[in-house]
Amino acid sequence: MYESSNRGSHSCHFGCAWEDILFCHATPFTDDASLIEKVTADGVVDKPIEVLSAELQAIPQKVIVCGHTHVPKNVFLPDGKWIVNPGSVGFPAYYEESPHPHVMESHSPHAKYAILQRVEEGWSLAHVCIPYDWERASRRAEQFGRMDYANAIRSGKAYIPQA
C-alpha cells in the first residue's frame, strides 16, 4: 500500500504507510540520503534532534522505519515520533564517494533486522542480530568479482579503495 502525503512544506512520496508506521528506504522525501545521519566533508555525523524533528514535522505517522545506511539505530524525538533503522540482512557495510567519501559500517557480519510489536503503551522495538553463513555469502560475492562486498559481508567493515 503506497501512501503519499502533501502536508506542510514537504511532499512525501518515498514511503509506504501502515497504521501509524511509515516505511521508507532512506527518508520520506528522498531515496538517496540518510534520515538520521548527515554526510559531511569530515565524515558521518548524527543529525541533531531539533533538525530531525523539523524535517519530520509534516509526517503524521509516529514511527518512521528507514534504512539506506545499513546500520541499526533508533532515535526517539521529543514529539513522540520514533525513527527506526533496522540495519541490513546481508550487507552490513559500504563505502561511497558521494556526497563526500564516507563509510557506513555496522562492525559485525551478522544479519540485522528489527521487530516492531504493538503493545498497550504504543510500540515495542527489538533489534535482532543473528549469525548466518557469511563466509559462504562472501565467497559468492568474490565469485562475481566484488571483493568490496565480500569484505563487508565477512567483517561488517567497508572496503576503502586505495587511490
N, C-alpha and C. Protein backbone atom coordinates (compact mmCIF):
# COMPACT_ATOMS: atom_id res chain seq x y z
N MET A 1 0.84 -1.17 0.00
CA MET A 1 0.00 0.00 0.00
C MET A 1 0.89 1.23 0.00
N TYR A 2 0.78 2.04 -1.02
CA TYR A 2 1.56 3.26 -1.14
C TYR A 2 0.71 4.43 -0.69
N GLU A 3 1.29 5.29 0.11
CA GLU A 3 0.56 6.46 0.56
C GLU A 3 1.42 7.69 0.36
N SER A 4 0.85 8.69 -0.23
CA SER A 4 1.55 9.95 -0.46
C SER A 4 0.92 11.01 0.42
N SER A 5 1.74 11.90 0.96
CA SER A 5 1.24 12.94 1.83
C SER A 5 1.77 14.29 1.36
N ASN A 6 0.93 15.28 1.29
CA ASN A 6 1.35 16.64 0.95
C ASN A 6 1.04 17.57 2.12
N ARG A 7 1.57 17.30 3.27
CA ARG A 7 1.32 18.13 4.45
C ARG A 7 2.52 19.01 4.71
N GLY A 8 2.26 20.24 5.04
CA GLY A 8 3.33 21.16 5.38
C GLY A 8 4.13 21.54 4.14
N SER A 9 5.39 21.88 4.35
CA SER A 9 6.22 22.35 3.25
C SER A 9 6.89 21.22 2.49
N HIS A 10 6.81 20.00 2.99
CA HIS A 10 7.42 18.86 2.32
C HIS A 10 6.35 18.01 1.66
N SER A 11 6.74 17.34 0.61
CA SER A 11 5.86 16.38 -0.04
C SER A 11 6.46 15.00 0.17
N CYS A 12 5.67 14.07 0.65
CA CYS A 12 6.15 12.73 0.97
C CYS A 12 5.74 11.77 -0.14
N HIS A 13 6.71 11.26 -0.88
CA HIS A 13 6.42 10.34 -1.98
C HIS A 13 7.25 9.07 -1.91
N PHE A 14 8.06 8.91 -0.90
CA PHE A 14 9.01 7.82 -0.87
C PHE A 14 8.72 6.82 0.24
N GLY A 15 7.45 6.54 0.52
CA GLY A 15 7.17 5.63 1.60
C GLY A 15 5.88 4.89 1.45
N CYS A 16 5.70 3.98 2.38
CA CYS A 16 4.50 3.17 2.45
C CYS A 16 4.03 3.21 3.90
N ALA A 17 2.78 3.58 4.12
CA ALA A 17 2.26 3.72 5.48
C ALA A 17 1.36 2.54 5.83
N TRP A 18 1.45 2.12 7.08
CA TRP A 18 0.58 1.10 7.65
C TRP A 18 0.32 1.50 9.10
N GLU A 19 -0.95 1.65 9.44
CA GLU A 19 -1.32 2.15 10.77
C GLU A 19 -0.55 3.44 11.04
N ASP A 20 0.16 3.52 12.16
CA ASP A 20 0.91 4.74 12.44
C ASP A 20 2.42 4.57 12.19
N ILE A 21 2.75 3.71 11.20
CA ILE A 21 4.14 3.48 10.82
C ILE A 21 4.33 3.90 9.36
N LEU A 22 5.41 4.62 9.10
CA LEU A 22 5.81 4.95 7.74
C LEU A 22 7.10 4.19 7.44
N PHE A 23 7.11 3.43 6.37
CA PHE A 23 8.29 2.71 5.93
C PHE A 23 8.88 3.44 4.73
N CYS A 24 10.17 3.72 4.77
CA CYS A 24 10.84 4.34 3.62
C CYS A 24 12.26 3.79 3.52
N HIS A 25 12.80 3.80 2.31
CA HIS A 25 14.17 3.32 2.15
C HIS A 25 15.18 4.25 2.80
N ALA A 26 15.06 5.53 2.53
CA ALA A 26 16.02 6.50 3.04
C ALA A 26 15.34 7.52 3.94
N THR A 27 14.60 8.44 3.32
CA THR A 27 13.80 9.40 4.08
C THR A 27 12.42 9.44 3.45
N PRO A 28 11.46 10.07 4.10
CA PRO A 28 10.14 10.21 3.47
C PRO A 28 10.16 11.13 2.24
N PHE A 29 11.26 11.85 2.03
CA PHE A 29 11.31 12.87 1.00
C PHE A 29 12.29 12.59 -0.13
N THR A 30 13.21 11.69 0.08
CA THR A 30 14.20 11.34 -0.95
C THR A 30 14.66 9.91 -0.72
N ASP A 31 15.14 9.30 -1.77
CA ASP A 31 15.57 7.91 -1.68
C ASP A 31 17.09 7.77 -1.71
N ASP A 32 17.80 8.89 -1.64
CA ASP A 32 19.26 8.80 -1.78
C ASP A 32 20.03 9.56 -0.70
N ALA A 33 19.45 9.71 0.48
CA ALA A 33 20.14 10.35 1.60
C ALA A 33 19.66 9.71 2.90
N SER A 34 20.47 9.79 3.91
CA SER A 34 20.12 9.21 5.20
C SER A 34 19.18 10.13 5.97
N LEU A 35 18.27 9.54 6.72
CA LEU A 35 17.38 10.32 7.56
C LEU A 35 18.08 10.72 8.87
N ILE A 36 18.72 9.78 9.53
CA ILE A 36 19.28 10.02 10.86
C ILE A 36 20.66 10.69 10.81
N GLU A 37 21.45 10.33 9.81
CA GLU A 37 22.81 10.85 9.73
C GLU A 37 22.96 11.85 8.59
N LYS A 38 24.03 12.63 8.69
CA LYS A 38 24.40 13.56 7.62
C LYS A 38 25.84 13.27 7.23
N VAL A 39 26.08 13.21 5.93
CA VAL A 39 27.44 13.00 5.42
C VAL A 39 28.06 14.37 5.19
N THR A 40 29.19 14.61 5.85
CA THR A 40 29.90 15.88 5.71
C THR A 40 31.30 15.61 5.17
N ALA A 41 32.02 16.66 4.86
CA ALA A 41 33.40 16.51 4.41
C ALA A 41 34.28 15.90 5.51
N ASP A 42 33.85 16.03 6.76
CA ASP A 42 34.60 15.48 7.89
C ASP A 42 34.16 14.09 8.31
N GLY A 43 33.14 13.54 7.66
CA GLY A 43 32.65 12.21 8.00
C GLY A 43 31.15 12.19 8.20
N VAL A 44 30.68 11.10 8.77
CA VAL A 44 29.26 10.91 9.00
C VAL A 44 28.94 11.30 10.44
N VAL A 45 27.93 12.15 10.61
CA VAL A 45 27.53 12.59 11.95
C VAL A 45 26.02 12.43 12.10
N ASP A 46 25.58 12.19 13.33
CA ASP A 46 24.14 12.14 13.60
C ASP A 46 23.58 13.55 13.50
N LYS A 47 22.41 13.66 12.88
CA LYS A 47 21.74 14.95 12.83
C LYS A 47 21.24 15.31 14.22
N PRO A 48 21.24 16.58 14.58
CA PRO A 48 20.68 16.99 15.87
C PRO A 48 19.18 16.66 15.94
N ILE A 49 18.72 16.37 17.14
CA ILE A 49 17.31 16.04 17.37
C ILE A 49 16.40 17.14 16.82
N GLU A 50 16.78 18.39 17.01
CA GLU A 50 15.97 19.51 16.55
C GLU A 50 15.80 19.49 15.03
N VAL A 51 16.85 19.12 14.32
CA VAL A 51 16.79 19.04 12.85
C VAL A 51 15.87 17.91 12.44
N LEU A 52 16.01 16.74 13.07
CA LEU A 52 15.14 15.60 12.74
C LEU A 52 13.68 15.95 13.01
N SER A 53 13.41 16.59 14.14
CA SER A 53 12.04 16.97 14.48
C SER A 53 11.45 17.90 13.43
N ALA A 54 12.23 18.88 13.00
CA ALA A 54 11.75 19.82 11.99
C ALA A 54 11.52 19.12 10.65
N GLU A 55 12.44 18.24 10.27
CA GLU A 55 12.30 17.52 8.99
C GLU A 55 11.06 16.64 8.97
N LEU A 56 10.69 16.08 10.11
CA LEU A 56 9.58 15.12 10.17
C LEU A 56 8.28 15.73 10.67
N GLN A 57 8.26 17.03 10.88
CA GLN A 57 7.07 17.69 11.42
C GLN A 57 5.82 17.40 10.60
N ALA A 58 5.93 17.36 9.29
CA ALA A 58 4.77 17.16 8.41
C ALA A 58 4.35 15.69 8.30
N ILE A 59 5.12 14.79 8.86
CA ILE A 59 4.81 13.35 8.77
C ILE A 59 3.85 13.00 9.89
N PRO A 60 2.67 12.48 9.58
CA PRO A 60 1.69 12.19 10.63
C PRO A 60 1.97 10.89 11.40
N GLN A 61 2.69 9.96 10.82
CA GLN A 61 2.95 8.68 11.49
C GLN A 61 3.89 8.88 12.68
N LYS A 62 3.71 8.07 13.70
CA LYS A 62 4.52 8.15 14.92
C LYS A 62 5.83 7.37 14.82
N VAL A 63 5.86 6.34 13.97
CA VAL A 63 7.06 5.52 13.80
C VAL A 63 7.49 5.63 12.35
N ILE A 64 8.76 5.97 12.14
CA ILE A 64 9.32 6.06 10.79
C ILE A 64 10.43 5.02 10.71
N VAL A 65 10.21 4.01 9.87
CA VAL A 65 11.21 2.96 9.67
C VAL A 65 11.95 3.31 8.39
N CYS A 66 13.26 3.57 8.54
CA CYS A 66 14.08 3.96 7.40
C CYS A 66 15.28 3.04 7.29
N GLY A 67 16.00 3.18 6.23
CA GLY A 67 17.19 2.35 6.03
C GLY A 67 18.30 3.19 5.44
N HIS A 68 18.76 2.76 4.29
CA HIS A 68 19.77 3.43 3.48
C HIS A 68 21.18 3.27 4.02
N THR A 69 21.39 3.42 5.31
CA THR A 69 22.75 3.35 5.86
C THR A 69 23.19 1.93 6.20
N HIS A 70 22.25 1.01 6.33
CA HIS A 70 22.52 -0.38 6.67
C HIS A 70 22.98 -0.54 8.12
N VAL A 71 22.89 0.52 8.91
CA VAL A 71 23.35 0.50 10.31
C VAL A 71 22.15 0.59 11.25
N PRO A 72 21.96 -0.42 12.13
CA PRO A 72 20.84 -0.38 13.06
C PRO A 72 20.94 0.79 14.04
N LYS A 73 19.82 1.47 14.20
CA LYS A 73 19.82 2.62 15.10
C LYS A 73 18.37 3.00 15.36
N ASN A 74 18.10 3.63 16.48
CA ASN A 74 16.77 4.21 16.71
C ASN A 74 16.91 5.51 17.48
N VAL A 75 16.03 6.45 17.12
CA VAL A 75 16.06 7.78 17.72
C VAL A 75 14.64 8.15 18.13
N PHE A 76 14.47 8.54 19.38
CA PHE A 76 13.17 8.97 19.89
C PHE A 76 13.17 10.49 19.93
N LEU A 77 12.14 11.09 19.32
CA LEU A 77 12.06 12.55 19.25
C LEU A 77 11.14 13.12 20.34
N PRO A 78 11.32 14.37 20.72
CA PRO A 78 10.51 14.98 21.78
C PRO A 78 9.01 14.97 21.51
N ASP A 79 8.60 15.00 20.24
CA ASP A 79 7.17 14.99 19.92
C ASP A 79 6.56 13.59 19.92
N GLY A 80 7.34 12.59 20.33
CA GLY A 80 6.84 11.22 20.42
C GLY A 80 7.09 10.38 19.19
N LYS A 81 7.64 10.96 18.13
CA LYS A 81 7.97 10.16 16.95
C LYS A 81 9.22 9.34 17.23
N TRP A 82 9.27 8.18 16.56
CA TRP A 82 10.37 7.25 16.78
C TRP A 82 10.92 6.85 15.43
N ILE A 83 12.20 7.10 15.20
CA ILE A 83 12.86 6.71 13.95
C ILE A 83 13.61 5.41 14.20
N VAL A 84 13.37 4.43 13.33
CA VAL A 84 13.99 3.11 13.48
C VAL A 84 14.70 2.74 12.18
N ASN A 85 15.98 2.45 12.27
CA ASN A 85 16.72 1.86 11.16
C ASN A 85 17.02 0.43 11.57
N PRO A 86 16.43 -0.57 10.87
CA PRO A 86 16.62 -1.96 11.27
C PRO A 86 17.99 -2.53 10.94
N GLY A 87 18.77 -1.87 10.10
CA GLY A 87 20.06 -2.40 9.69
C GLY A 87 19.91 -3.13 8.36
N SER A 88 20.75 -4.12 8.14
CA SER A 88 20.76 -4.84 6.86
C SER A 88 20.93 -6.33 7.08
N VAL A 89 20.17 -7.08 6.32
CA VAL A 89 20.34 -8.54 6.31
C VAL A 89 21.25 -8.86 5.14
N GLY A 90 22.56 -9.02 5.40
CA GLY A 90 23.46 -9.47 4.36
C GLY A 90 24.41 -8.45 3.76
N PHE A 91 24.28 -7.17 4.07
CA PHE A 91 25.22 -6.18 3.54
C PHE A 91 25.49 -5.12 4.61
N PRO A 92 26.34 -5.46 5.59
CA PRO A 92 26.49 -4.65 6.79
C PRO A 92 27.39 -3.42 6.70
N ALA A 93 27.98 -3.16 5.52
CA ALA A 93 28.89 -2.01 5.42
C ALA A 93 29.08 -1.65 3.95
N TYR A 94 29.41 -0.38 3.72
CA TYR A 94 29.75 0.04 2.36
C TYR A 94 30.55 1.33 2.39
N TYR A 95 31.24 1.56 1.29
CA TYR A 95 31.99 2.80 1.05
C TYR A 95 31.28 3.52 -0.10
N GLU A 96 31.17 4.84 0.01
CA GLU A 96 30.52 5.61 -1.04
C GLU A 96 31.28 6.92 -1.25
N GLU A 97 31.35 7.38 -2.47
CA GLU A 97 32.06 8.61 -2.82
C GLU A 97 31.22 9.87 -2.65
N SER A 98 29.91 9.73 -2.75
CA SER A 98 29.03 10.90 -2.80
C SER A 98 28.14 10.99 -1.56
N PRO A 99 27.86 12.16 -1.02
CA PRO A 99 28.29 13.48 -1.48
C PRO A 99 29.74 13.79 -1.12
N HIS A 100 30.30 13.05 -0.18
CA HIS A 100 31.72 13.09 0.19
C HIS A 100 32.13 11.65 0.44
N PRO A 101 33.39 11.30 0.23
CA PRO A 101 33.81 9.93 0.54
C PRO A 101 33.51 9.59 2.00
N HIS A 102 32.83 8.44 2.21
CA HIS A 102 32.46 8.05 3.57
C HIS A 102 32.17 6.55 3.62
N VAL A 103 32.17 6.03 4.84
CA VAL A 103 31.79 4.63 5.06
C VAL A 103 30.59 4.57 5.99
N MET A 104 29.80 3.54 5.82
CA MET A 104 28.75 3.18 6.75
C MET A 104 29.08 1.75 7.16
N GLU A 105 29.22 1.51 8.46
CA GLU A 105 29.66 0.21 8.94
C GLU A 105 28.89 -0.20 10.18
N SER A 106 28.45 -1.45 10.20
CA SER A 106 27.77 -1.97 11.39
C SER A 106 28.75 -2.68 12.32
N HIS A 107 29.96 -2.94 11.86
CA HIS A 107 31.05 -3.52 12.64
C HIS A 107 30.84 -4.99 13.02
N SER A 108 29.88 -5.65 12.39
CA SER A 108 29.75 -7.10 12.56
C SER A 108 29.08 -7.68 11.32
N PRO A 109 29.39 -8.93 10.98
CA PRO A 109 28.82 -9.53 9.78
C PRO A 109 27.40 -10.07 9.96
N HIS A 110 26.88 -10.04 11.15
CA HIS A 110 25.57 -10.63 11.45
C HIS A 110 24.45 -10.00 10.62
N ALA A 111 23.44 -10.80 10.33
CA ALA A 111 22.22 -10.28 9.70
C ALA A 111 21.48 -9.47 10.75
N LYS A 112 21.01 -8.30 10.36
CA LYS A 112 20.35 -7.42 11.31
C LYS A 112 18.99 -7.00 10.78
N TYR A 113 18.00 -7.05 11.66
CA TYR A 113 16.66 -6.58 11.31
C TYR A 113 15.98 -6.17 12.60
N ALA A 114 14.76 -5.65 12.48
CA ALA A 114 14.04 -5.18 13.66
C ALA A 114 12.63 -5.76 13.66
N ILE A 115 12.10 -5.90 14.85
CA ILE A 115 10.72 -6.35 15.03
C ILE A 115 9.98 -5.27 15.83
N LEU A 116 8.94 -4.75 15.23
CA LEU A 116 8.05 -3.81 15.92
C LEU A 116 6.80 -4.56 16.31
N GLN A 117 6.41 -4.42 17.55
CA GLN A 117 5.21 -5.10 18.03
C GLN A 117 4.35 -4.10 18.80
N ARG A 118 3.05 -4.07 18.46
CA ARG A 118 2.16 -3.18 19.18
C ARG A 118 1.97 -3.70 20.60
N VAL A 119 2.11 -2.79 21.55
CA VAL A 119 1.87 -3.08 22.96
C VAL A 119 0.87 -2.04 23.47
N GLU A 120 0.40 -2.23 24.67
CA GLU A 120 -0.61 -1.33 25.22
C GLU A 120 -0.16 0.13 25.21
N GLU A 121 1.11 0.37 25.47
CA GLU A 121 1.63 1.73 25.55
C GLU A 121 2.07 2.29 24.21
N GLY A 122 1.98 1.53 23.13
CA GLY A 122 2.43 2.01 21.82
C GLY A 122 3.09 0.91 21.02
N TRP A 123 4.41 1.02 20.82
CA TRP A 123 5.17 0.04 20.06
C TRP A 123 6.38 -0.42 20.86
N SER A 124 6.70 -1.69 20.72
CA SER A 124 7.90 -2.28 21.28
C SER A 124 8.85 -2.55 20.11
N LEU A 125 10.12 -2.28 20.31
CA LEU A 125 11.13 -2.49 19.27
C LEU A 125 12.17 -3.48 19.75
N ALA A 126 12.48 -4.46 18.91
CA ALA A 126 13.58 -5.38 19.18
C ALA A 126 14.51 -5.37 17.97
N HIS A 127 15.74 -4.92 18.18
CA HIS A 127 16.76 -5.05 17.13
C HIS A 127 17.31 -6.46 17.24
N VAL A 128 17.35 -7.16 16.13
CA VAL A 128 17.78 -8.56 16.11
C VAL A 128 19.07 -8.67 15.31
N CYS A 129 20.01 -9.43 15.84
CA CYS A 129 21.31 -9.63 15.22
C CYS A 129 21.60 -11.12 15.26
N ILE A 130 21.61 -11.78 14.09
CA ILE A 130 21.76 -13.23 14.08
C ILE A 130 22.91 -13.67 13.16
N PRO A 131 23.55 -14.77 13.53
CA PRO A 131 24.60 -15.30 12.66
C PRO A 131 23.99 -16.03 11.46
N TYR A 132 24.73 -16.08 10.40
CA TYR A 132 24.39 -16.88 9.22
C TYR A 132 25.72 -17.25 8.57
N ASP A 133 25.69 -17.95 7.48
CA ASP A 133 26.92 -18.39 6.82
C ASP A 133 27.49 -17.26 5.97
N TRP A 134 28.07 -16.24 6.64
CA TRP A 134 28.61 -15.10 5.92
C TRP A 134 29.85 -15.46 5.13
N GLU A 135 30.56 -16.51 5.51
CA GLU A 135 31.71 -16.96 4.70
C GLU A 135 31.24 -17.43 3.33
N ARG A 136 30.17 -18.17 3.31
CA ARG A 136 29.62 -18.65 2.04
C ARG A 136 29.13 -17.47 1.19
N ALA A 137 28.45 -16.53 1.83
CA ALA A 137 27.97 -15.35 1.10
C ALA A 137 29.15 -14.53 0.58
N SER A 138 30.21 -14.41 1.37
CA SER A 138 31.40 -13.67 0.95
C SER A 138 32.06 -14.34 -0.26
N ARG A 139 32.16 -15.65 -0.23
CA ARG A 139 32.74 -16.37 -1.36
C ARG A 139 31.92 -16.15 -2.63
N ARG A 140 30.62 -16.09 -2.49
CA ARG A 140 29.75 -15.86 -3.65
C ARG A 140 30.01 -14.46 -4.23
N ALA A 141 30.17 -13.47 -3.37
CA ALA A 141 30.50 -12.12 -3.84
C ALA A 141 31.85 -12.12 -4.56
N GLU A 142 32.82 -12.86 -4.02
CA GLU A 142 34.13 -12.96 -4.67
C GLU A 142 34.03 -13.60 -6.04
N GLN A 143 33.16 -14.60 -6.19
CA GLN A 143 32.96 -15.25 -7.49
C GLN A 143 32.48 -14.26 -8.54
N PHE A 144 31.78 -13.22 -8.11
CA PHE A 144 31.29 -12.20 -9.03
C PHE A 144 32.23 -11.00 -9.10
N GLY A 145 33.44 -11.15 -8.53
CA GLY A 145 34.43 -10.09 -8.60
C GLY A 145 34.19 -8.92 -7.67
N ARG A 146 33.32 -9.07 -6.69
CA ARG A 146 33.01 -7.99 -5.77
C ARG A 146 33.77 -8.19 -4.46
N MET A 147 35.06 -7.90 -4.48
CA MET A 147 35.89 -8.05 -3.28
C MET A 147 35.44 -7.07 -2.19
N ASP A 148 34.93 -5.90 -2.60
CA ASP A 148 34.43 -4.92 -1.63
C ASP A 148 33.22 -5.49 -0.89
N TYR A 149 32.30 -6.12 -1.63
CA TYR A 149 31.13 -6.73 -1.00
C TYR A 149 31.56 -7.89 -0.10
N ALA A 150 32.50 -8.71 -0.60
CA ALA A 150 32.97 -9.85 0.19
C ALA A 150 33.54 -9.40 1.52
N ASN A 151 34.34 -8.35 1.49
CA ASN A 151 34.93 -7.82 2.72
C ASN A 151 33.85 -7.33 3.68
N ALA A 152 32.87 -6.58 3.16
CA ALA A 152 31.80 -6.06 4.01
C ALA A 152 30.98 -7.19 4.62
N ILE A 153 30.63 -8.16 3.81
CA ILE A 153 29.82 -9.29 4.29
C ILE A 153 30.56 -10.09 5.35
N ARG A 154 31.85 -10.27 5.15
CA ARG A 154 32.66 -11.09 6.06
C ARG A 154 32.98 -10.36 7.38
N SER A 155 33.06 -9.02 7.35
CA SER A 155 33.59 -8.31 8.52
C SER A 155 32.66 -7.25 9.12
N GLY A 156 31.70 -6.77 8.34
CA GLY A 156 30.90 -5.63 8.80
C GLY A 156 31.63 -4.32 8.67
N LYS A 157 32.77 -4.35 8.00
CA LYS A 157 33.59 -3.15 7.76
C LYS A 157 33.67 -2.90 6.26
N ALA A 158 33.71 -1.65 5.87
CA ALA A 158 33.75 -1.30 4.46
C ALA A 158 35.15 -1.44 3.90
N TYR A 159 35.23 -1.86 2.66
CA TYR A 159 36.49 -1.87 1.91
C TYR A 159 36.65 -0.47 1.32
N ILE A 160 37.76 0.16 1.62
CA ILE A 160 38.02 1.51 1.12
C ILE A 160 39.07 1.40 0.01
N PRO A 161 38.69 1.74 -1.21
CA PRO A 161 39.65 1.63 -2.32
C PRO A 161 40.83 2.58 -2.13
N GLN A 162 42.00 2.13 -2.53
CA GLN A 162 43.20 2.95 -2.44
C GLN A 162 43.37 3.70 -3.75
N ALA A 163 43.70 4.97 -3.66
CA ALA A 163 43.85 5.81 -4.86
C ALA A 163 45.11 5.52 -5.60
